[in-house]
């Protein structure tokens, strides 16, 4: 069943959205949304790895200040990803890493002409460091704000409850619930006191072998994140 699920991601288009609500003070909060339309292509299995290409075909960022415009331009760096994925759905290698490094050099040069300051320099360094360390890049691409709603290592848990350690320091719990041809993985957490997260929950919904919907909600003291995925074609 796992292999069918991975194969059935082929030529699917998903809408990925992240909503960020920040509580600036007790009386004032801001909300921003980041929407991407993503096409997924599956090119078969080589040895124990599944070969994928992920293309972001459309961005829609809520308009904000100069930094939001800057982040939007940086986001185009990751609009074409070639990766290998294991049977559980974890990204294991990034196939076009050299392409990403060369592309980043060009984007960085262009952005540095119009964006200056310590915050920009720190961000440039963070991206450069990320691209120099494939393990860190894989963790980043597998995060819920990037492609973690697609490739999340949960594809072996359709029959049994499982746990895994989150990069945030708590334990994610996945509990499968089957109702006819609809399978829902309900996501909860334990040991939240070990992290700075107050609430963590989510779900992933399959109809037969087709992944149709995903949602993760994370609440921290001054921020509220909602990550969602919807199959649109």
Protein backbone atom coordinates (compact mmCIF):
# COMPACT_ATOMS: atom_id res chain seq x y z
CA UNK A 1 0.00 0.00 0.00
CA UNK A 2 2.85 2.38 0.80
CA UNK A 3 4.34 2.15 -2.69
CA UNK A 4 0.92 2.75 -4.24
CA UNK A 5 0.52 5.89 -2.13
CA UNK A 6 3.88 7.23 -3.32
CA UNK A 7 3.17 6.32 -6.95
CA UNK A 8 -0.22 7.98 -6.73
CA UNK A 9 1.36 11.33 -5.94
CA UNK A 10 2.39 11.36 -9.61
CA UNK A 11 0.96 14.25 -11.63
CA UNK A 12 -1.03 15.50 -8.66
CA UNK A 13 -1.39 19.21 -7.94
CA UNK A 14 -1.69 20.42 -4.36
CA UNK A 15 -2.40 23.77 -2.77
CA UNK A 16 -0.10 24.38 0.19
CA UNK A 17 -0.88 27.25 2.55
CA UNK A 18 0.76 28.55 5.70
CA UNK A 19 -1.05 31.11 7.83
CA UNK A 20 1.03 32.93 10.42
CA UNK A 21 -0.72 34.86 13.20
CA UNK A 22 1.59 36.84 15.46
CA UNK A 23 0.47 38.40 18.72
CA UNK A 24 2.54 41.57 18.85
CA UNK A 25 1.03 42.66 22.16
CA UNK A 26 -2.13 41.84 24.15
CA UNK A 27 -4.18 44.16 21.92
CA UNK A 28 -2.63 43.73 18.48
CA UNK A 29 -1.97 40.77 16.19
CA UNK A 30 -1.00 40.39 12.54
CA UNK A 31 -1.91 37.67 10.04
CA UNK A 32 -0.05 36.69 6.90
CA UNK A 33 -0.61 33.88 4.43
CA UNK A 34 1.76 32.07 2.08
CA UNK A 35 0.14 29.99 -0.66
CA UNK A 36 1.88 27.74 -3.19
CA UNK A 37 0.50 25.49 -5.90
CA UNK A 38 2.73 22.44 -6.25
CA UNK A 39 2.91 19.79 -8.97
CA UNK A 40 4.37 16.42 -7.99
CA UNK A 41 5.99 13.97 -10.44
CA UNK A 42 7.01 10.41 -9.58
CA UNK A 43 9.70 8.84 -11.76
CA UNK A 44 9.88 5.36 -10.29
CA UNK A 45 11.95 3.43 -7.80
CA UNK A 46 15.71 2.92 -7.99
CA UNK A 47 17.02 0.41 -5.44
CA UNK A 48 15.21 1.41 -2.23
CA UNK A 49 14.56 5.02 -3.19
CA UNK A 50 11.63 6.73 -4.92
CA UNK A 51 12.49 9.46 -7.40
CA UNK A 52 10.42 12.68 -7.27
CA UNK A 53 10.32 16.13 -8.80
CA UNK A 54 8.34 18.90 -7.07
CA UNK A 55 7.52 22.07 -9.00
CA UNK A 56 5.98 25.16 -7.43
CA UNK A 57 3.94 26.66 -10.25
CA UNK A 58 2.31 29.56 -8.41
CA UNK A 59 3.05 31.74 -5.38
CA UNK A 60 0.57 33.98 -3.60
CA UNK A 61 1.97 35.80 -0.58
CA UNK A 62 -0.09 38.29 1.39
CA UNK A 63 1.45 41.69 0.84
CA UNK A 64 3.48 43.12 3.66
CA UNK A 65 6.58 45.22 4.11
CA UNK A 66 9.95 45.18 2.44
CA UNK A 67 11.00 41.98 4.24
CA UNK A 68 7.97 40.10 2.88
CA UNK A 69 8.89 41.13 -0.66
CA UNK A 70 12.43 39.97 0.02
CA UNK A 71 11.27 36.58 1.38
CA UNK A 72 9.01 36.08 -1.64
CA UNK A 73 11.96 36.51 -3.99
CA UNK A 74 14.04 34.07 -1.91
CA UNK A 75 11.19 31.54 -2.07
CA UNK A 76 11.66 31.16 -5.81
CA UNK A 77 14.93 29.41 -5.02
CA UNK A 78 12.95 26.35 -3.91
CA UNK A 79 10.37 26.20 -6.71
CA UNK A 80 12.04 23.19 -8.36
CA UNK A 81 13.20 20.31 -6.16
CA UNK A 82 14.44 16.89 -7.27
CA UNK A 83 14.61 14.43 -4.41
CA UNK A 84 14.80 10.79 -3.41
CA UNK A 85 12.28 9.51 -0.84
CA UNK A 86 12.31 6.28 1.18
CA UNK A 87 9.37 3.88 1.59
CA UNK A 88 8.15 5.81 4.64
CA UNK A 89 7.98 9.07 2.71
CA UNK A 90 11.10 10.73 4.16
CA UNK A 91 13.29 12.84 1.87
CA UNK A 92 16.73 11.20 1.85
CA UNK A 93 18.69 13.11 -0.82
CA UNK A 94 18.33 16.26 -2.91
CA UNK A 95 19.21 15.49 -6.50
CA UNK A 96 19.60 19.04 -7.84
CA UNK A 97 21.70 20.46 -5.01
CA UNK A 98 24.33 21.93 -7.36
CA UNK A 99 21.57 23.59 -9.39
CA UNK A 100 20.16 25.13 -6.18
CA UNK A 101 23.59 26.43 -5.12
CA UNK A 102 24.21 28.05 -8.50
CA UNK A 103 20.72 29.51 -8.54
CA UNK A 104 21.15 30.90 -5.02
CA UNK A 105 24.41 32.62 -6.04
CA UNK A 106 22.51 34.44 -8.80
CA UNK A 107 19.49 35.31 -6.60
CA UNK A 108 21.76 36.50 -3.78
CA UNK A 109 23.73 38.75 -6.13
CA UNK A 110 20.54 40.33 -7.48
CA UNK A 111 18.97 40.82 -4.05
CA UNK A 112 22.14 42.28 -2.51
CA UNK A 113 21.87 45.21 -4.93
CA UNK A 114 18.59 46.36 -3.39
CA UNK A 115 18.57 44.88 0.13
CA UNK A 116 21.14 45.89 2.74
CA UNK A 117 21.63 45.56 6.48
CA UNK A 118 22.52 43.09 9.21
CA UNK A 119 19.18 41.23 9.05
CA UNK A 120 19.58 40.66 5.30
CA UNK A 121 23.20 39.54 5.72
CA UNK A 122 22.18 37.04 8.41
CA UNK A 123 19.45 35.66 6.18
CA UNK A 124 21.86 35.35 3.25
CA UNK A 125 24.25 33.41 5.50
CA UNK A 126 21.49 31.12 6.76
CA UNK A 127 20.47 30.16 3.21
CA UNK A 128 24.08 29.66 2.12
CA UNK A 129 24.79 27.47 5.17
CA UNK A 130 21.64 25.46 4.45
CA UNK A 131 22.74 24.73 0.89
CA UNK A 132 26.20 23.65 2.06
CA UNK A 133 24.77 21.01 4.41
CA UNK A 134 22.47 18.52 2.68
CA UNK A 135 21.25 17.08 5.99
CA UNK A 136 20.08 20.52 7.15
CA UNK A 137 18.53 21.18 3.74
CA UNK A 138 16.59 17.90 3.91
CA UNK A 139 15.32 18.82 7.39
CA UNK A 140 14.25 22.22 6.06
CA UNK A 141 12.48 20.81 2.99
CA UNK A 142 10.76 18.21 5.19
CA UNK A 143 9.42 20.85 7.59
CA UNK A 144 5.70 21.58 7.55
CA UNK A 145 6.26 25.11 6.22
CA UNK A 146 7.97 23.66 3.14
CA UNK A 147 7.04 20.17 1.84
CA UNK A 148 6.48 18.30 5.11
CA UNK A 149 2.78 17.91 4.40
CA UNK A 150 3.76 15.87 1.32
CA UNK A 151 6.85 14.02 2.50
CA UNK A 152 6.58 13.41 6.21
CA UNK A 153 7.73 9.87 6.99
CA UNK A 154 4.23 8.72 7.95
CA UNK A 155 3.49 6.36 5.10
CA UNK A 156 4.27 3.22 7.12
CA UNK A 157 1.74 4.05 9.84
CA UNK A 158 -1.50 3.18 8.03
CA UNK A 159 -2.12 0.14 10.22
CA UNK A 160 -0.56 0.95 13.57
CA UNK A 161 -0.07 3.89 15.88
CA UNK A 162 3.44 5.31 15.73
CA UNK A 163 5.56 7.97 17.36
CA UNK A 164 8.51 10.03 16.24
CA UNK A 165 10.62 12.79 17.71
CA UNK A 166 9.99 16.25 16.32
CA UNK A 167 12.83 18.63 15.53
CA UNK A 168 11.15 20.95 18.05
CA UNK A 169 11.91 18.53 20.90
CA UNK A 170 8.51 16.92 21.55
CA UNK A 171 7.01 13.61 20.40
CA UNK A 172 4.57 13.47 17.48
CA UNK A 173 1.92 10.74 17.73
CA UNK A 174 0.17 9.41 14.60
CA UNK A 175 -2.98 7.38 15.06
CA UNK A 176 -4.67 5.86 11.95
CA UNK A 177 -8.48 5.80 11.83
CA UNK A 178 -10.13 3.93 8.94
CA UNK A 179 -13.73 4.53 7.86
CA UNK A 180 -14.63 2.64 4.68
CA UNK A 181 -12.24 3.77 1.95
CA UNK A 182 -11.20 6.89 3.90
CA UNK A 183 -8.12 6.75 6.08
CA UNK A 184 -7.33 9.58 8.49
CA UNK A 185 -4.04 9.89 10.33
CA UNK A 186 -4.77 11.91 13.45
CA UNK A 187 -1.74 13.78 14.76
CA UNK A 188 -1.20 14.75 18.39
CA UNK A 189 1.75 15.33 20.69
CA UNK A 190 3.27 14.44 24.02
CA UNK A 191 6.10 16.02 26.00
CA UNK A 192 5.17 19.50 24.78
CA UNK A 193 6.65 20.83 28.01
CA UNK A 194 10.05 19.88 26.55
CA UNK A 195 9.53 22.49 23.81
CA UNK A 196 8.27 26.05 23.46
CA UNK A 197 5.05 24.82 21.82
CA UNK A 198 1.74 25.05 23.69
CA UNK A 199 -0.45 23.10 21.26
CA UNK A 200 0.22 20.76 18.33
CA UNK A 201 -2.37 18.82 16.35
CA UNK A 202 -3.20 17.78 12.81
CA UNK A 203 -4.56 15.22 10.39
CA UNK A 204 -3.81 13.66 7.01
CA UNK A 205 -6.65 12.24 4.91
CA UNK A 206 -6.43 9.57 2.20
CA UNK A 207 -9.32 8.37 0.06
CA UNK A 208 -8.30 4.92 -1.18
CA UNK A 209 -4.64 5.55 -2.16
CA UNK A 210 -5.10 9.24 -3.00
CA UNK A 211 -3.80 11.80 -0.55
CA UNK A 212 -6.45 14.53 -0.48
CA UNK A 213 -5.99 16.75 2.55
CA UNK A 214 -3.54 17.61 5.32
CA UNK A 215 -3.48 20.05 8.22
CA UNK A 216 -1.06 20.91 11.03
CA UNK A 217 -1.69 23.54 13.69
CA UNK A 218 1.04 24.81 16.02
CA UNK A 219 0.49 27.30 18.82
CA UNK A 220 3.32 29.04 20.61
CA UNK A 221 3.19 31.80 23.18
CA UNK A 222 3.09 34.68 20.69
CA UNK A 223 2.41 32.93 17.40
CA UNK A 224 -0.10 30.60 15.79
CA UNK A 225 0.80 28.59 12.65
CA UNK A 226 -1.65 26.76 10.40
CA UNK A 227 -0.19 24.60 7.62
CA UNK A 228 -2.64 23.03 5.15
CA UNK A 229 -2.58 20.90 2.01
CA UNK A 230 -5.42 20.34 -0.43
CA UNK A 231 -5.48 18.14 -3.53
CA UNK A 232 -6.77 20.31 -6.40
CA UNK A 233 -6.06 18.22 -9.49
